[in-house]
């Protein structure tokens, strides 16, 4: 009997790659979300307990940004099964949301 290959059963999440950009630099621009990762934050003075790494494409280039936005984290986790999807990140008062 042939042994299983690790890659046949392991569902490791691959590293998110792309040039890092600031969230404010892509506000109100259409992006295609291609991946994400939510991790526990080491810095909790101004942000929540978690932070989001969002991988996306804009103008044919792969990019990522980091944010502690609770709204974006909640939305991406709720709609993760829809990835990839096209959206715009907008700022409403003091928080960010997908539109």
N, C-alpha and C. Protein backbone atom coordinates (compact mmCIF):
# COMPACT_ATOMS: atom_id res chain seq x y z
N UNK A 1 0.84 -1.19 0.00
CA UNK A 1 0.00 0.00 0.00
C UNK A 1 0.88 1.25 0.00
N UNK A 2 0.52 2.19 -0.87
CA UNK A 2 1.27 3.43 -1.01
C UNK A 2 0.91 4.39 0.14
N UNK A 3 1.90 4.99 0.82
CA UNK A 3 1.58 5.96 1.88
C UNK A 3 1.00 7.25 1.29
N UNK A 4 0.19 7.92 2.08
CA UNK A 4 -0.39 9.20 1.66
C UNK A 4 0.68 10.27 1.55
N UNK A 5 0.46 11.19 0.64
CA UNK A 5 1.31 12.37 0.55
C UNK A 5 0.73 13.45 1.45
N UNK A 6 1.59 14.18 2.10
CA UNK A 6 1.17 15.27 2.99
C UNK A 6 0.26 16.24 2.24
N UNK A 7 0.62 16.57 1.02
CA UNK A 7 -0.15 17.55 0.24
C UNK A 7 -1.55 17.06 -0.13
N UNK A 8 -1.78 15.74 -0.03
CA UNK A 8 -3.10 15.19 -0.34
C UNK A 8 -4.12 15.43 0.77
N UNK A 9 -3.66 15.57 2.00
CA UNK A 9 -4.60 15.72 3.11
C UNK A 9 -4.42 17.01 3.90
N UNK A 10 -3.28 17.64 3.83
CA UNK A 10 -3.03 18.87 4.60
C UNK A 10 -3.65 20.05 3.88
N UNK A 11 -4.37 20.83 4.60
CA UNK A 11 -5.01 22.02 4.03
C UNK A 11 -4.40 23.26 4.67
N UNK A 12 -3.09 23.38 4.56
CA UNK A 12 -2.38 24.52 5.11
C UNK A 12 -2.74 25.77 4.32
N UNK A 13 -2.89 26.86 5.03
CA UNK A 13 -3.18 28.11 4.36
C UNK A 13 -1.87 28.68 3.84
N UNK A 14 -1.81 28.96 2.56
CA UNK A 14 -0.59 29.47 1.97
C UNK A 14 -0.34 30.91 2.42
N UNK A 15 0.90 31.30 2.33
CA UNK A 15 1.31 32.65 2.71
C UNK A 15 0.69 33.64 1.72
N UNK A 16 0.21 34.73 2.23
CA UNK A 16 -0.37 35.77 1.37
C UNK A 16 0.77 36.66 0.88
N UNK A 17 0.88 36.77 -0.43
CA UNK A 17 1.94 37.60 -0.97
C UNK A 17 1.37 38.78 -1.72
N UNK A 18 2.23 39.73 -1.98
CA UNK A 18 1.83 40.94 -2.67
C UNK A 18 2.52 42.13 -2.03
N UNK A 19 2.58 43.21 -2.75
CA UNK A 19 3.19 44.43 -2.20
C UNK A 19 2.28 45.00 -1.12
N UNK A 20 2.88 45.40 -0.01
CA UNK A 20 2.11 45.97 1.10
C UNK A 20 1.75 47.42 0.79
N UNK A 21 0.47 47.73 1.00
CA UNK A 21 -0.01 49.10 0.82
C UNK A 21 -0.79 49.50 2.07
N UNK A 22 -0.96 50.79 2.22
CA UNK A 22 -1.79 51.29 3.33
C UNK A 22 -3.24 51.30 2.89
N UNK A 23 -4.11 50.97 3.82
CA UNK A 23 -5.54 50.93 3.54
C UNK A 23 -6.03 52.26 2.97
N UNK A 24 -5.57 53.34 3.52
CA UNK A 24 -6.02 54.66 3.06
C UNK A 24 -5.67 54.93 1.60
N UNK A 25 -4.65 54.21 1.08
CA UNK A 25 -4.23 54.43 -0.31
C UNK A 25 -5.12 53.73 -1.32
N UNK A 26 -5.97 52.81 -0.87
CA UNK A 26 -6.86 52.13 -1.81
C UNK A 26 -8.34 52.39 -1.51
N UNK A 27 -8.61 53.30 -0.59
CA UNK A 27 -10.01 53.64 -0.28
C UNK A 27 -10.74 54.09 -1.55
N UNK A 28 -12.00 53.69 -1.64
CA UNK A 28 -12.88 54.11 -2.73
C UNK A 28 -12.43 53.65 -4.12
N UNK A 29 -11.55 52.64 -4.17
CA UNK A 29 -11.12 52.07 -5.44
C UNK A 29 -11.58 50.62 -5.50
N UNK A 30 -11.99 50.18 -6.66
CA UNK A 30 -12.47 48.82 -6.83
C UNK A 30 -11.29 47.85 -6.77
N UNK A 31 -11.43 46.81 -5.93
CA UNK A 31 -10.40 45.79 -5.78
C UNK A 31 -11.05 44.41 -5.90
N UNK A 32 -10.24 43.41 -6.21
CA UNK A 32 -10.70 42.03 -6.22
C UNK A 32 -10.04 41.31 -5.06
N UNK A 33 -10.83 40.92 -4.08
CA UNK A 33 -10.31 40.21 -2.91
C UNK A 33 -9.99 38.78 -3.33
N UNK A 34 -8.75 38.35 -3.04
CA UNK A 34 -8.31 37.01 -3.44
C UNK A 34 -7.93 36.11 -2.27
N UNK A 35 -7.78 36.68 -1.08
CA UNK A 35 -7.45 35.87 0.08
C UNK A 35 -7.39 36.72 1.33
N UNK A 36 -7.36 36.04 2.48
CA UNK A 36 -7.28 36.77 3.74
C UNK A 36 -6.76 35.85 4.83
N UNK A 37 -6.34 36.48 5.92
CA UNK A 37 -5.94 35.75 7.11
C UNK A 37 -6.26 36.64 8.31
N UNK A 38 -6.86 36.08 9.33
CA UNK A 38 -7.14 36.81 10.57
C UNK A 38 -6.29 36.17 11.65
N UNK A 39 -5.53 37.00 12.35
CA UNK A 39 -4.64 36.49 13.40
C UNK A 39 -4.79 37.35 14.65
N UNK A 40 -4.35 36.79 15.75
CA UNK A 40 -4.36 37.51 17.02
C UNK A 40 -3.31 38.61 16.97
N UNK A 41 -3.70 39.79 17.39
CA UNK A 41 -2.81 40.94 17.36
C UNK A 41 -1.93 40.96 18.60
N UNK A 42 -0.67 41.32 18.42
CA UNK A 42 0.23 41.52 19.55
C UNK A 42 0.10 42.94 20.09
N UNK A 43 -0.46 43.83 19.30
CA UNK A 43 -0.60 45.23 19.67
C UNK A 43 -2.07 45.52 19.91
N UNK A 44 -2.45 45.68 21.16
CA UNK A 44 -3.88 45.84 21.47
C UNK A 44 -4.23 47.19 22.10
N UNK A 45 -3.31 48.15 22.07
CA UNK A 45 -3.60 49.45 22.68
C UNK A 45 -4.67 50.23 21.93
N UNK A 46 -4.60 50.19 20.59
CA UNK A 46 -5.58 50.97 19.82
C UNK A 46 -6.47 50.09 18.96
N UNK A 47 -6.07 48.86 18.74
CA UNK A 47 -6.90 48.00 17.90
C UNK A 47 -7.54 46.91 18.75
N UNK A 48 -8.31 46.07 18.12
CA UNK A 48 -8.96 44.99 18.83
C UNK A 48 -8.02 43.84 19.09
N UNK A 49 -8.58 42.69 19.33
CA UNK A 49 -7.80 41.50 19.64
C UNK A 49 -7.22 40.85 18.40
N UNK A 50 -7.76 41.16 17.23
CA UNK A 50 -7.34 40.51 16.00
C UNK A 50 -6.98 41.54 14.94
N UNK A 51 -6.25 41.05 13.94
CA UNK A 51 -6.00 41.90 12.78
C UNK A 51 -6.20 41.09 11.51
N UNK A 52 -6.50 41.78 10.44
CA UNK A 52 -6.79 41.18 9.16
C UNK A 52 -5.66 41.49 8.18
N UNK A 53 -5.21 40.45 7.49
CA UNK A 53 -4.34 40.63 6.33
C UNK A 53 -5.22 40.32 5.13
N UNK A 54 -5.42 41.29 4.27
CA UNK A 54 -6.28 41.11 3.11
C UNK A 54 -5.42 41.13 1.85
N UNK A 55 -5.55 40.08 1.05
CA UNK A 55 -4.85 40.00 -0.22
C UNK A 55 -5.85 40.36 -1.32
N UNK A 56 -5.41 41.18 -2.26
CA UNK A 56 -6.32 41.64 -3.31
C UNK A 56 -5.53 42.01 -4.56
N UNK A 57 -6.25 42.19 -5.64
CA UNK A 57 -5.65 42.66 -6.88
C UNK A 57 -6.27 44.00 -7.24
N UNK A 58 -5.42 44.88 -7.71
CA UNK A 58 -5.86 46.19 -8.18
C UNK A 58 -4.97 46.55 -9.37
N UNK A 59 -5.59 46.95 -10.45
CA UNK A 59 -4.85 47.28 -11.68
C UNK A 59 -3.93 46.14 -12.11
N UNK A 60 -4.38 44.90 -11.93
CA UNK A 60 -3.61 43.74 -12.35
C UNK A 60 -2.44 43.37 -11.45
N UNK A 61 -2.30 44.06 -10.32
CA UNK A 61 -1.18 43.79 -9.41
C UNK A 61 -1.69 43.21 -8.10
N UNK A 62 -0.94 42.26 -7.55
CA UNK A 62 -1.30 41.63 -6.28
C UNK A 62 -0.76 42.49 -5.14
N UNK A 63 -1.63 42.79 -4.17
CA UNK A 63 -1.28 43.64 -3.04
C UNK A 63 -1.85 43.04 -1.76
N UNK A 64 -1.39 43.54 -0.61
CA UNK A 64 -1.96 43.20 0.69
C UNK A 64 -2.03 44.45 1.56
N UNK A 65 -2.98 44.45 2.51
CA UNK A 65 -2.97 45.47 3.56
C UNK A 65 -3.34 44.80 4.87
N UNK A 66 -2.98 45.48 5.95
CA UNK A 66 -3.25 45.00 7.30
C UNK A 66 -4.18 46.00 7.98
N UNK A 67 -5.12 45.49 8.78
CA UNK A 67 -6.02 46.36 9.53
C UNK A 67 -6.57 45.65 10.75
N UNK A 68 -6.89 46.41 11.76
CA UNK A 68 -7.55 45.89 12.95
C UNK A 68 -9.05 46.18 12.92
N UNK A 69 -9.57 46.59 11.78
CA UNK A 69 -10.97 46.95 11.65
C UNK A 69 -11.89 45.76 11.95
N UNK A 70 -12.64 45.89 13.02
CA UNK A 70 -13.57 44.83 13.41
C UNK A 70 -14.66 44.59 12.38
N UNK A 71 -15.10 45.65 11.73
CA UNK A 71 -16.15 45.53 10.71
C UNK A 71 -15.63 44.73 9.52
N UNK A 72 -14.43 45.06 9.03
CA UNK A 72 -13.87 44.33 7.89
C UNK A 72 -13.60 42.87 8.25
N UNK A 73 -13.12 42.62 9.46
CA UNK A 73 -12.87 41.25 9.90
C UNK A 73 -14.17 40.46 9.91
N UNK A 74 -15.21 41.04 10.48
CA UNK A 74 -16.52 40.37 10.54
C UNK A 74 -17.06 40.10 9.14
N UNK A 75 -16.96 41.08 8.26
CA UNK A 75 -17.48 40.91 6.90
C UNK A 75 -16.71 39.85 6.12
N UNK A 76 -15.38 39.86 6.20
CA UNK A 76 -14.60 38.90 5.42
C UNK A 76 -14.83 37.49 5.93
N UNK A 77 -15.00 37.32 7.23
CA UNK A 77 -15.27 35.98 7.76
C UNK A 77 -16.66 35.50 7.37
N UNK A 78 -17.61 36.41 7.34
CA UNK A 78 -18.98 36.05 6.97
C UNK A 78 -19.10 35.65 5.50
N UNK A 79 -18.32 36.31 4.65
CA UNK A 79 -18.45 36.07 3.21
C UNK A 79 -17.21 35.41 2.59
N UNK A 80 -16.44 34.71 3.38
CA UNK A 80 -15.22 34.07 2.90
C UNK A 80 -15.48 33.08 1.78
N UNK A 81 -16.64 32.44 1.82
CA UNK A 81 -16.96 31.44 0.79
C UNK A 81 -17.23 32.08 -0.57
N UNK A 82 -17.32 33.40 -0.63
CA UNK A 82 -17.57 34.11 -1.89
C UNK A 82 -16.28 34.57 -2.57
N UNK A 83 -15.13 34.38 -1.93
CA UNK A 83 -13.84 34.81 -2.48
C UNK A 83 -13.52 33.96 -3.70
N UNK A 84 -13.08 34.55 -4.79
CA UNK A 84 -12.77 35.96 -5.00
C UNK A 84 -14.03 36.78 -5.29
N UNK A 85 -14.01 38.04 -4.83
CA UNK A 85 -15.10 38.96 -5.11
C UNK A 85 -14.57 40.37 -5.30
N UNK A 86 -15.34 41.17 -6.01
CA UNK A 86 -14.98 42.56 -6.28
C UNK A 86 -15.70 43.44 -5.27
N UNK A 87 -14.96 44.40 -4.71
CA UNK A 87 -15.53 45.29 -3.71
C UNK A 87 -14.77 46.61 -3.70
N UNK A 88 -15.25 47.52 -2.90
CA UNK A 88 -14.59 48.79 -2.63
C UNK A 88 -14.57 48.95 -1.12
N UNK A 89 -13.43 49.36 -0.57
CA UNK A 89 -13.36 49.65 0.85
C UNK A 89 -13.65 51.14 1.01
N UNK A 90 -14.64 51.44 1.85
CA UNK A 90 -14.99 52.84 2.10
C UNK A 90 -14.88 53.12 3.59
N UNK A 91 -14.77 54.39 3.91
CA UNK A 91 -14.70 54.82 5.31
C UNK A 91 -15.98 55.57 5.63
N UNK A 92 -16.66 55.11 6.67
CA UNK A 92 -17.88 55.78 7.16
C UNK A 92 -17.59 56.21 8.58
N UNK A 93 -17.60 57.50 8.82
CA UNK A 93 -17.22 58.07 10.12
C UNK A 93 -15.86 57.53 10.52
N UNK A 94 -15.81 56.67 11.57
CA UNK A 94 -14.53 56.19 12.07
C UNK A 94 -14.24 54.73 11.73
N UNK A 95 -15.05 54.13 10.87
CA UNK A 95 -14.79 52.72 10.57
C UNK A 95 -14.80 52.46 9.07
N UNK A 96 -14.17 51.32 8.71
CA UNK A 96 -14.07 50.90 7.32
C UNK A 96 -15.07 49.77 7.07
N UNK A 97 -15.58 49.70 5.84
CA UNK A 97 -16.50 48.64 5.46
C UNK A 97 -16.35 48.34 3.97
N UNK A 98 -16.72 47.12 3.60
CA UNK A 98 -16.78 46.77 2.18
C UNK A 98 -18.08 47.31 1.61
N UNK A 99 -18.02 47.75 0.38
CA UNK A 99 -19.21 48.29 -0.28
C UNK A 99 -19.37 47.64 -1.65
